[in-house]
Amino acid sequence: MKSADDIIRSLIKAVQDLGEATFTESVAEQLEQQLRLTYGGQSVYIQKVDRDARRDAVLRDFDGRNRKELCARYGLSKAQFYRMLKGG
C-alpha cells in the first residue's frame, strides 16, 4: 500500500502536469497542508473505478451475445456481469 506521502506527491505531480504556469510551489504546499489537515491519521480508500459509469457502459455495449468480451474489457467476473444485468 502506498504511504500518505506517496499519495500526496502523486497528487501534487498530477496537478503540476496540468499546468505549471498556475501551479506554484506555494500552491503545492497549501494543497499538501490541506490534505494533511483533512485526512491526517486516517485510512483513505479511493475507489478504482466509477461503478455507475462502468455499469452504464456495459449495459450500453451489451448486444446479448458479447458477455465474455465485455467481462474481459471491463474486468468483470461472470457473476458481476449478471448482477449488473439484474440492476445491481
PDB file of N, CA and C in Angstrom:
ATOM      1  N   MET A   1       0.839  -1.167   0.000  1.00  0.00           N
ATOM      2  CA  MET A   1       0.000   0.000   0.000  1.00  0.00           C
ATOM      3  C   MET A   1       0.891   1.239   0.000  1.00  0.00           C
ATOM      4  N   LYS A   2       0.470   2.239  -0.717  1.00  0.00           N
ATOM      5  CA  LYS A   2       1.244   3.476  -0.748  1.00  0.00           C
ATOM      6  C   LYS A   2       1.079   4.238   0.551  1.00  0.00           C
ATOM      7  N   SER A   3       2.137   4.945   0.928  1.00  0.00           N
ATOM      8  CA  SER A   3       2.055   5.773   2.121  1.00  0.00           C
ATOM      9  C   SER A   3       1.366   7.088   1.777  1.00  0.00           C
ATOM     10  N   ALA A   4       0.987   7.827   2.811  1.00  0.00           N
ATOM     11  CA  ALA A   4       0.339   9.122   2.605  1.00  0.00           C
ATOM     12  C   ALA A   4       1.257  10.061   1.828  1.00  0.00           C
ATOM     13  N   ASP A   5       2.560  10.006   2.117  1.00  0.00           N
ATOM     14  CA  ASP A   5       3.499  10.875   1.399  1.00  0.00           C
ATOM     15  C   ASP A   5       3.524  10.543  -0.094  1.00  0.00           C
ATOM     16  N   ASP A   6       3.427   9.257  -0.440  1.00  0.00           N
ATOM     17  CA  ASP A   6       3.393   8.861  -1.845  1.00  0.00           C
ATOM     18  C   ASP A   6       2.142   9.400  -2.525  1.00  0.00           C
ATOM     19  N   ILE A   7       1.016   9.315  -1.843  1.00  0.00           N
ATOM     20  CA  ILE A   7      -0.242   9.809  -2.401  1.00  0.00           C
ATOM     21  C   ILE A   7      -0.176  11.316  -2.605  1.00  0.00           C
ATOM     22  N   ILE A   8       0.351  12.019  -1.616  1.00  0.00           N
ATOM     23  CA  ILE A   8       0.455  13.478  -1.718  1.00  0.00           C
ATOM     24  C   ILE A   8       1.377  13.873  -2.857  1.00  0.00           C
ATOM     25  N   ARG A   9       2.535  13.221  -2.952  1.00  0.00           N
ATOM     26  CA  ARG A   9       3.464  13.548  -4.044  1.00  0.00           C
ATOM     27  C   ARG A   9       2.838  13.260  -5.409  1.00  0.00           C
ATOM     28  N   SER A  10       2.125  12.157  -5.512  1.00  0.00           N
ATOM     29  CA  SER A  10       1.474  11.810  -6.779  1.00  0.00           C
ATOM     30  C   SER A  10       0.414  12.837  -7.156  1.00  0.00           C
ATOM     31  N   LEU A  11      -0.361  13.264  -6.176  1.00  0.00           N
ATOM     32  CA  LEU A  11      -1.394  14.263  -6.430  1.00  0.00           C
ATOM     33  C   LEU A  11      -0.778  15.591  -6.854  1.00  0.00           C
ATOM     34  N   ILE A  12       0.250  16.007  -6.151  1.00  0.00           N
ATOM     35  CA  ILE A  12       0.913  17.268  -6.499  1.00  0.00           C
ATOM     36  C   ILE A  12       1.494  17.203  -7.905  1.00  0.00           C
ATOM     37  N   LYS A  13       2.135  16.098  -8.243  1.00  0.00           N
ATOM     38  CA  LYS A  13       2.691  15.959  -9.592  1.00  0.00           C
ATOM     39  C   LYS A  13       1.598  15.999 -10.647  1.00  0.00           C
ATOM     40  N   ALA A  14       0.486  15.350 -10.377  1.00  0.00           N
ATOM     41  CA  ALA A  14      -0.613  15.334 -11.341  1.00  0.00           C
ATOM     42  C   ALA A  14      -1.139  16.737 -11.600  1.00  0.00           C
ATOM     43  N   VAL A  15      -1.287  17.522 -10.552  1.00  0.00           N
ATOM     44  CA  VAL A  15      -1.784  18.885 -10.717  1.00  0.00           C
ATOM     45  C   VAL A  15      -0.742  19.736 -11.430  1.00  0.00           C
ATOM     46  N   GLN A  16       0.526  19.548 -11.104  1.00  0.00           N
ATOM     47  CA  GLN A  16       1.582  20.298 -11.778  1.00  0.00           C
ATOM     48  C   GLN A  16       1.604  19.991 -13.267  1.00  0.00           C
ATOM     49  N   ASP A  17       1.401  18.736 -13.620  1.00  0.00           N
ATOM     50  CA  ASP A  17       1.411  18.341 -15.024  1.00  0.00           C
ATOM     51  C   ASP A  17       0.289  18.999 -15.814  1.00  0.00           C
ATOM     52  N   LEU A  18      -0.782  19.369 -15.130  1.00  0.00           N
ATOM     53  CA  LEU A  18      -1.902  20.016 -15.811  1.00  0.00           C
ATOM     54  C   LEU A  18      -1.591  21.451 -16.203  1.00  0.00           C
ATOM     55  N   GLY A  19      -0.730  22.106 -15.482  1.00  0.00           N
ATOM     56  CA  GLY A  19      -0.412  23.492 -15.818  1.00  0.00           C
ATOM     57  C   GLY A  19       0.557  24.113 -14.851  1.00  0.00           C
ATOM     58  N   GLU A  20       1.818  24.048 -15.173  1.00  0.00           N
ATOM     59  CA  GLU A  20       2.847  24.572 -14.279  1.00  0.00           C
ATOM     60  C   GLU A  20       2.755  26.077 -14.106  1.00  0.00           C
ATOM     61  N   ALA A  21       2.225  26.782 -15.082  1.00  0.00           N
ATOM     62  CA  ALA A  21       2.173  28.241 -15.016  1.00  0.00           C
ATOM     63  C   ALA A  21       1.324  28.724 -13.843  1.00  0.00           C
ATOM     64  N   THR A  22       0.286  27.984 -13.503  1.00  0.00           N
ATOM     65  CA  THR A  22      -0.597  28.425 -12.428  1.00  0.00           C
ATOM     66  C   THR A  22      -0.394  27.633 -11.143  1.00  0.00           C
ATOM     67  N   PHE A  23       0.329  26.539 -11.213  1.00  0.00           N
ATOM     68  CA  PHE A  23       0.518  25.699 -10.031  1.00  0.00           C
ATOM     69  C   PHE A  23       1.926  25.910  -9.505  1.00  0.00           C
ATOM     70  N   THR A  24       2.046  26.754  -8.506  1.00  0.00           N
ATOM     71  CA  THR A  24       3.348  27.104  -7.949  1.00  0.00           C
ATOM     72  C   THR A  24       3.702  26.205  -6.771  1.00  0.00           C
ATOM     73  N   GLU A  25       4.937  26.313  -6.327  1.00  0.00           N
ATOM     74  CA  GLU A  25       5.381  25.556  -5.152  1.00  0.00           C
ATOM     75  C   GLU A  25       4.546  25.928  -3.937  1.00  0.00           C
ATOM     76  N   SER A  26       4.185  27.193  -3.833  1.00  0.00           N
ATOM     77  CA  SER A  26       3.351  27.646  -2.726  1.00  0.00           C
ATOM     78  C   SER A  26       1.975  26.984  -2.762  1.00  0.00           C
ATOM     79  N   VAL A  27       1.396  26.868  -3.938  1.00  0.00           N
ATOM     80  CA  VAL A  27       0.096  26.204  -4.081  1.00  0.00           C
ATOM     81  C   VAL A  27       0.230  24.729  -3.706  1.00  0.00           C
ATOM     82  N   ALA A  28       1.335  24.102  -4.128  1.00  0.00           N
ATOM     83  CA  ALA A  28       1.572  22.696  -3.793  1.00  0.00           C
ATOM     84  C   ALA A  28       1.663  22.513  -2.285  1.00  0.00           C
ATOM     85  N   GLU A  29       2.356  23.404  -1.619  1.00  0.00           N
ATOM     86  CA  GLU A  29       2.493  23.312  -0.166  1.00  0.00           C
ATOM     87  C   GLU A  29       1.148  23.522   0.522  1.00  0.00           C
ATOM     88  N   GLN A  30       0.330  24.439   0.007  1.00  0.00           N
ATOM     89  CA  GLN A  30      -1.001  24.662   0.575  1.00  0.00           C
ATOM     90  C   GLN A  30      -1.880  23.430   0.395  1.00  0.00           C
ATOM     91  N   LEU A  31      -1.794  22.827  -0.776  1.00  0.00           N
ATOM     92  CA  LEU A  31      -2.567  21.613  -1.050  1.00  0.00           C
ATOM     93  C   LEU A  31      -2.141  20.491  -0.115  1.00  0.00           C
ATOM     94  N   GLU A  32      -0.844  20.327   0.048  1.00  0.00           N
ATOM     95  CA  GLU A  32      -0.341  19.295   0.948  1.00  0.00           C
ATOM     96  C   GLU A  32      -0.823  19.535   2.378  1.00  0.00           C
ATOM     97  N   GLN A  33      -0.739  20.778   2.840  1.00  0.00           N
ATOM     98  CA  GLN A  33      -1.173  21.107   4.193  1.00  0.00           C
ATOM     99  C   GLN A  33      -2.664  20.814   4.362  1.00  0.00           C
ATOM    100  N   GLN A  34      -3.466  21.171   3.374  1.00  0.00           N
ATOM    101  CA  GLN A  34      -4.906  20.932   3.471  1.00  0.00           C
ATOM    102  C   GLN A  34      -5.221  19.439   3.495  1.00  0.00           C
ATOM    103  N   LEU A  35      -4.525  18.678   2.675  1.00  0.00           N
ATOM    104  CA  LEU A  35      -4.735  17.229   2.672  1.00  0.00           C
ATOM    105  C   LEU A  35      -4.348  16.613   4.009  1.00  0.00           C
ATOM    106  N   ARG A  36      -3.255  17.069   4.567  1.00  0.00           N
ATOM    107  CA  ARG A  36      -2.829  16.551   5.869  1.00  0.00           C
ATOM    108  C   ARG A  36      -3.828  16.921   6.965  1.00  0.00           C
ATOM    109  N   LEU A  37      -4.344  18.144   6.906  1.00  0.00           N
ATOM    110  CA  LEU A  37      -5.336  18.562   7.899  1.00  0.00           C
ATOM    111  C   LEU A  37      -6.638  17.768   7.750  1.00  0.00           C
ATOM    112  N   THR A  38      -7.030  17.532   6.531  1.00  0.00           N
ATOM    113  CA  THR A  38      -8.295  16.848   6.265  1.00  0.00           C
ATOM    114  C   THR A  38      -8.208  15.359   6.525  1.00  0.00           C
ATOM    115  N   TYR A  39      -7.124  14.732   6.067  1.00  0.00           N
ATOM    116  CA  TYR A  39      -7.036  13.271   6.090  1.00  0.00           C
ATOM    117  C   TYR A  39      -5.952  12.715   7.001  1.00  0.00           C
ATOM    118  N   GLY A  40      -5.217  13.561   7.682  1.00  0.00           N
ATOM    119  CA  GLY A  40      -4.118  13.109   8.526  1.00  0.00           C
ATOM    120  C   GLY A  40      -4.565  12.075   9.546  1.00  0.00           C
ATOM    121  N   GLY A  41      -3.841  10.966   9.608  1.00  0.00           N
ATOM    122  CA  GLY A  41      -4.131   9.919  10.561  1.00  0.00           C
ATOM    123  C   GLY A  41      -5.242   8.969  10.160  1.00  0.00           C
ATOM    124  N   GLN A  42      -5.838   9.201   9.011  1.00  0.00           N
ATOM    125  CA  GLN A  42      -6.942   8.361   8.559  1.00  0.00           C
ATOM    126  C   GLN A  42      -6.481   7.421   7.459  1.00  0.00           C
ATOM    127  N   SER A  43      -7.185   6.322   7.337  1.00  0.00           N
ATOM    128  CA  SER A  43      -7.011   5.457   6.182  1.00  0.00           C
ATOM    129  C   SER A  43      -7.990   5.953   5.129  1.00  0.00           C
ATOM    130  N   VAL A  44      -7.495   6.204   3.940  1.00  0.00           N
ATOM    131  CA  VAL A  44      -8.339   6.744   2.880  1.00  0.00           C
ATOM    132  C   VAL A  44      -8.433   5.720   1.772  1.00  0.00           C
ATOM    133  N   TYR A  45      -9.669   5.392   1.386  1.00  0.00           N
ATOM    134  CA  TYR A  45      -9.911   4.460   0.286  1.00  0.00           C
ATOM    135  C   TYR A  45     -10.339   5.263  -0.925  1.00  0.00           C
ATOM    136  N   ILE A  46      -9.668   5.024  -2.044  1.00  0.00           N
ATOM    137  CA  ILE A  46     -10.028   5.672  -3.295  1.00  0.00           C
ATOM    138  C   ILE A  46     -10.499   4.581  -4.238  1.00  0.00           C
ATOM    139  N   GLN A  47     -11.769   4.643  -4.590  1.00  0.00           N
ATOM    140  CA  GLN A  47     -12.361   3.622  -5.454  1.00  0.00           C
ATOM    141  C   GLN A  47     -11.666   3.616  -6.807  1.00  0.00           C
ATOM    142  N   LYS A  48     -11.356   2.432  -7.283  1.00  0.00           N
ATOM    143  CA  LYS A  48     -10.603   2.285  -8.526  1.00  0.00           C
ATOM    144  C   LYS A  48     -11.394   2.746  -9.751  1.00  0.00           C
ATOM    145  N   VAL A  49     -12.669   2.416  -9.792  1.00  0.00           N
ATOM    146  CA  VAL A  49     -13.484   2.791 -10.944  1.00  0.00           C
ATOM    147  C   VAL A  49     -14.796   3.397 -10.478  1.00  0.00           C
ATOM    148  N   ASP A  50     -15.416   4.160 -11.352  1.00  0.00           N
ATOM    149  CA  ASP A  50     -16.756   4.680 -11.112  1.00  0.00           C
ATOM    150  C   ASP A  50     -17.723   3.576 -11.507  1.00  0.00           C
ATOM    151  N   ARG A  51     -18.285   2.904 -10.518  1.00  0.00           N
ATOM    152  CA  ARG A  51     -19.118   1.729 -10.784  1.00  0.00           C
ATOM    153  C   ARG A  51     -20.349   2.064 -11.611  1.00  0.00           C
ATOM    154  N   ASP A  52     -20.964   3.214 -11.362  1.00  0.00           N
ATOM    155  CA  ASP A  52     -22.148   3.582 -12.135  1.00  0.00           C
ATOM    156  C   ASP A  52     -21.794   3.795 -13.605  1.00  0.00           C
ATOM    157  N   ALA A  53     -20.692   4.470 -13.854  1.00  0.00           N
ATOM    158  CA  ALA A  53     -20.275   4.708 -15.238  1.00  0.00           C
ATOM    159  C   ALA A  53     -19.917   3.397 -15.926  1.00  0.00           C
ATOM    160  N   ARG A  54     -19.245   2.497 -15.180  1.00  0.00           N
ATOM    161  CA  ARG A  54     -18.882   1.204 -15.764  1.00  0.00           C
ATOM    162  C   ARG A  54     -20.136   0.393 -16.084  1.00  0.00           C
ATOM    163  N   ARG A  55     -21.096   0.371 -15.151  1.00  0.00           N
ATOM    164  CA  ARG A  55     -22.345  -0.359 -15.392  1.00  0.00           C
ATOM    165  C   ARG A  55     -23.078   0.192 -16.611  1.00  0.00           C
ATOM    166  N   ASP A  56     -23.156   1.519 -16.721  1.00  0.00           N
ATOM    167  CA  ASP A  56     -23.824   2.137 -17.866  1.00  0.00           C
ATOM    168  C   ASP A  56     -23.137   1.754 -19.170  1.00  0.00           C
ATOM    169  N   ALA A  57     -21.808   1.748 -19.170  1.00  0.00           N
ATOM    170  CA  ALA A  57     -21.061   1.387 -20.373  1.00  0.00           C
ATOM    171  C   ALA A  57     -21.295  -0.073 -20.747  1.00  0.00           C
ATOM    172  N   VAL A  58     -21.295  -0.959 -19.747  1.00  0.00           N
ATOM    173  CA  VAL A  58     -21.520  -2.377 -20.015  1.00  0.00           C
ATOM    174  C   VAL A  58     -22.908  -2.590 -20.597  1.00  0.00           C
ATOM    175  N   LEU A  59     -23.906  -1.985 -19.981  1.00  0.00           N
ATOM    176  CA  LEU A  59     -25.274  -2.153 -20.464  1.00  0.00           C
ATOM    177  C   LEU A  59     -25.460  -1.556 -21.858  1.00  0.00           C
ATOM    178  N   ARG A  60     -24.796  -0.458 -22.127  1.00  0.00           N
ATOM    179  CA  ARG A  60     -24.866   0.174 -23.451  1.00  0.00           C
ATOM    180  C   ARG A  60     -24.216  -0.716 -24.511  1.00  0.00           C
ATOM    181  N   ASP A  61     -23.096  -1.365 -24.157  1.00  0.00           N
ATOM    182  CA  ASP A  61     -22.337  -2.157 -25.122  1.00  0.00           C
ATOM    183  C   ASP A  61     -22.850  -3.592 -25.275  1.00  0.00           C
ATOM    184  N   PHE A  62     -23.674  -4.048 -24.360  1.00  0.00           N
ATOM    185  CA  PHE A  62     -24.137  -5.441 -24.398  1.00  0.00           C
ATOM    186  C   PHE A  62     -25.130  -5.647 -25.537  1.00  0.00           C
ATOM    187  N   ASP A  63     -24.838  -6.627 -26.393  1.00  0.00           N
ATOM    188  CA  ASP A  63     -25.725  -6.906 -27.521  1.00  0.00           C
ATOM    189  C   ASP A  63     -26.448  -8.245 -27.380  1.00  0.00           C
ATOM    190  N   GLY A  64     -26.310  -8.869 -26.217  1.00  0.00           N
ATOM    191  CA  GLY A  64     -26.964 -10.143 -25.972  1.00  0.00           C
ATOM    192  C   GLY A  64     -26.068 -11.349 -26.209  1.00  0.00           C
ATOM    193  N   ARG A  65     -24.936 -11.127 -26.884  1.00  0.00           N
ATOM    194  CA  ARG A  65     -24.046 -12.257 -27.201  1.00  0.00           C
ATOM    195  C   ARG A  65     -22.581 -11.981 -26.897  1.00  0.00           C
ATOM    196  N   ASN A  66     -22.270 -10.856 -26.303  1.00  0.00           N
ATOM    197  CA  ASN A  66     -20.864 -10.491 -26.124  1.00  0.00           C
ATOM    198  C   ASN A  66     -20.445 -10.394 -24.649  1.00  0.00           C
ATOM    199  N   ARG A  67     -21.005 -11.234 -23.804  1.00  0.00           N
ATOM    200  CA  ARG A  67     -20.689 -11.210 -22.380  1.00  0.00           C
ATOM    201  C   ARG A  67     -19.200 -11.400 -22.120  1.00  0.00           C
ATOM    202  N   LYS A  68     -18.603 -12.415 -22.729  1.00  0.00           N
ATOM    203  CA  LYS A  68     -17.182 -12.708 -22.475  1.00  0.00           C
ATOM    204  C   LYS A  68     -16.297 -11.523 -22.851  1.00  0.00           C
ATOM    205  N   GLU A  69     -16.598 -10.930 -23.992  1.00  0.00           N
ATOM    206  CA  GLU A  69     -15.818  -9.773 -24.451  1.00  0.00           C
ATOM    207  C   GLU A  69     -15.944  -8.610 -23.460  1.00  0.00           C
ATOM    208  N   LEU A  70     -17.157  -8.326 -23.007  1.00  0.00           N
ATOM    209  CA  LEU A  70     -17.365  -7.216 -22.078  1.00  0.00           C
ATOM    210  C   LEU A  70     -16.736  -7.487 -20.720  1.00  0.00           C
ATOM    211  N   CYS A  71     -16.821  -8.727 -20.259  1.00  0.00           N
ATOM    212  CA  CYS A  71     -16.184  -9.074 -18.982  1.00  0.00           C
ATOM    213  C   CYS A  71     -14.675  -8.839 -19.059  1.00  0.00           C
ATOM    214  N   ALA A  72     -14.075  -9.209 -20.172  1.00  0.00           N
ATOM    215  CA  ALA A  72     -12.634  -9.000 -20.340  1.00  0.00           C
ATOM    216  C   ALA A  72     -12.312  -7.506 -20.432  1.00  0.00           C
ATOM    217  N   ARG A  73     -13.103  -6.775 -21.201  1.00  0.00           N
ATOM    218  CA  ARG A  73     -12.848  -5.343 -21.407  1.00  0.00           C
ATOM    219  C   ARG A  73     -12.980  -4.549 -20.109  1.00  0.00           C
ATOM    220  N   TYR A  74     -13.994  -4.867 -19.314  1.00  0.00           N
ATOM    221  CA  TYR A  74     -14.274  -4.087 -18.111  1.00  0.00           C
ATOM    222  C   TYR A  74     -13.792  -4.742 -16.818  1.00  0.00           C
ATOM    223  N   GLY A  75     -13.092  -5.860 -16.921  1.00  0.00           N
ATOM    224  CA  GLY A  75     -12.539  -6.507 -15.742  1.00  0.00           C
ATOM    225  C   GLY A  75     -13.597  -7.061 -14.803  1.00  0.00           C
ATOM    226  N   LEU A  76     -14.607  -7.707 -15.362  1.00  0.00           N
ATOM    227  CA  LEU A  76     -15.721  -8.235 -14.580  1.00  0.00           C
ATOM    228  C   LEU A  76     -15.708  -9.747 -14.538  1.00  0.00           C
ATOM    229  N   SER A  77     -16.200 -10.292 -13.427  1.00  0.00           N
ATOM    230  CA  SER A  77     -16.445 -11.730 -13.385  1.00  0.00           C
ATOM    231  C   SER A  77     -17.812 -11.978 -14.014  1.00  0.00           C
ATOM    232  N   LYS A  78     -18.083 -13.232 -14.293  1.00  0.00           N
ATOM    233  CA  LYS A  78     -19.386 -13.610 -14.849  1.00  0.00           C
ATOM    234  C   LYS A  78     -20.511 -13.203 -13.882  1.00  0.00           C
ATOM    235  N   ALA A  79     -20.301 -13.449 -12.589  1.00  0.00           N
ATOM    236  CA  ALA A  79     -21.309 -13.105 -11.580  1.00  0.00           C
ATOM    237  C   ALA A  79     -21.551 -11.598 -11.519  1.00  0.00           C
ATOM    238  N   GLN A  80     -20.472 -10.815 -11.565  1.00  0.00           N
ATOM    239  CA  GLN A  80     -20.621  -9.360 -11.550  1.00  0.00           C
ATOM    240  C   GLN A  80     -21.428  -8.892 -12.757  1.00  0.00           C
ATOM    241  N   PHE A  81     -21.129  -9.475 -13.905  1.00  0.00           N
ATOM    242  CA  PHE A  81     -21.824  -9.099 -15.130  1.00  0.00           C
ATOM    243  C   PHE A  81     -23.330  -9.332 -14.986  1.00  0.00           C
ATOM    244  N   TYR A  82     -23.697 -10.518 -14.514  1.00  0.00           N
ATOM    245  CA  TYR A  82     -25.125 -10.843 -14.399  1.00  0.00           C
ATOM    246  C   TYR A  82     -25.813  -9.994 -13.320  1.00  0.00           C
ATOM    247  N   ARG A  83     -25.083  -9.632 -12.266  1.00  0.00           N
ATOM    248  CA  ARG A  83     -25.673  -8.714 -11.268  1.00  0.00           C
ATOM    249  C   ARG A  83     -25.972  -7.366 -11.911  1.00  0.00           C
ATOM    250  N   MET A  84     -25.098  -6.895 -12.786  1.00  0.00           N
ATOM    251  CA  MET A  84     -25.353  -5.632 -13.489  1.00  0.00           C
ATOM    252  C   MET A  84     -26.605  -5.729 -14.338  1.00  0.00           C
ATOM    253  N   LEU A  85     -26.768  -6.840 -15.022  1.00  0.00           N
ATOM    254  CA  LEU A  85     -27.959  -7.013 -15.853  1.00  0.00           C
ATOM    255  C   LEU A  85     -29.236  -6.983 -15.023  1.00  0.00           C
ATOM    256  N   LYS A  86     -29.152  -7.520 -13.805  1.00  0.00           N
ATOM    257  CA  LYS A  86     -30.327  -7.545 -12.925  1.00  0.00           C
ATOM    258  C   LYS A  86     -30.578  -6.198 -12.256  1.00  0.00           C
ATOM    259  N   GLY A  87     -29.642  -5.257 -12.450  1.00  0.00           N
ATOM    260  CA  GLY A  87     -29.825  -3.926 -11.862  1.00  0.00           C
ATOM    261  C   GLY A  87     -29.049  -3.681 -10.591  1.00  0.00           C
ATOM    262  N   GLY A  88     -28.149  -4.586 -10.271  1.00  0.00           N
ATOM    263  CA  GLY A  88     -27.357  -4.460  -9.033  1.00  0.00           C
ATOM    264  C   GLY A  88     -26.038  -3.829  -9.237  1.00  0.00           C
TER     265      GLY A  88
END
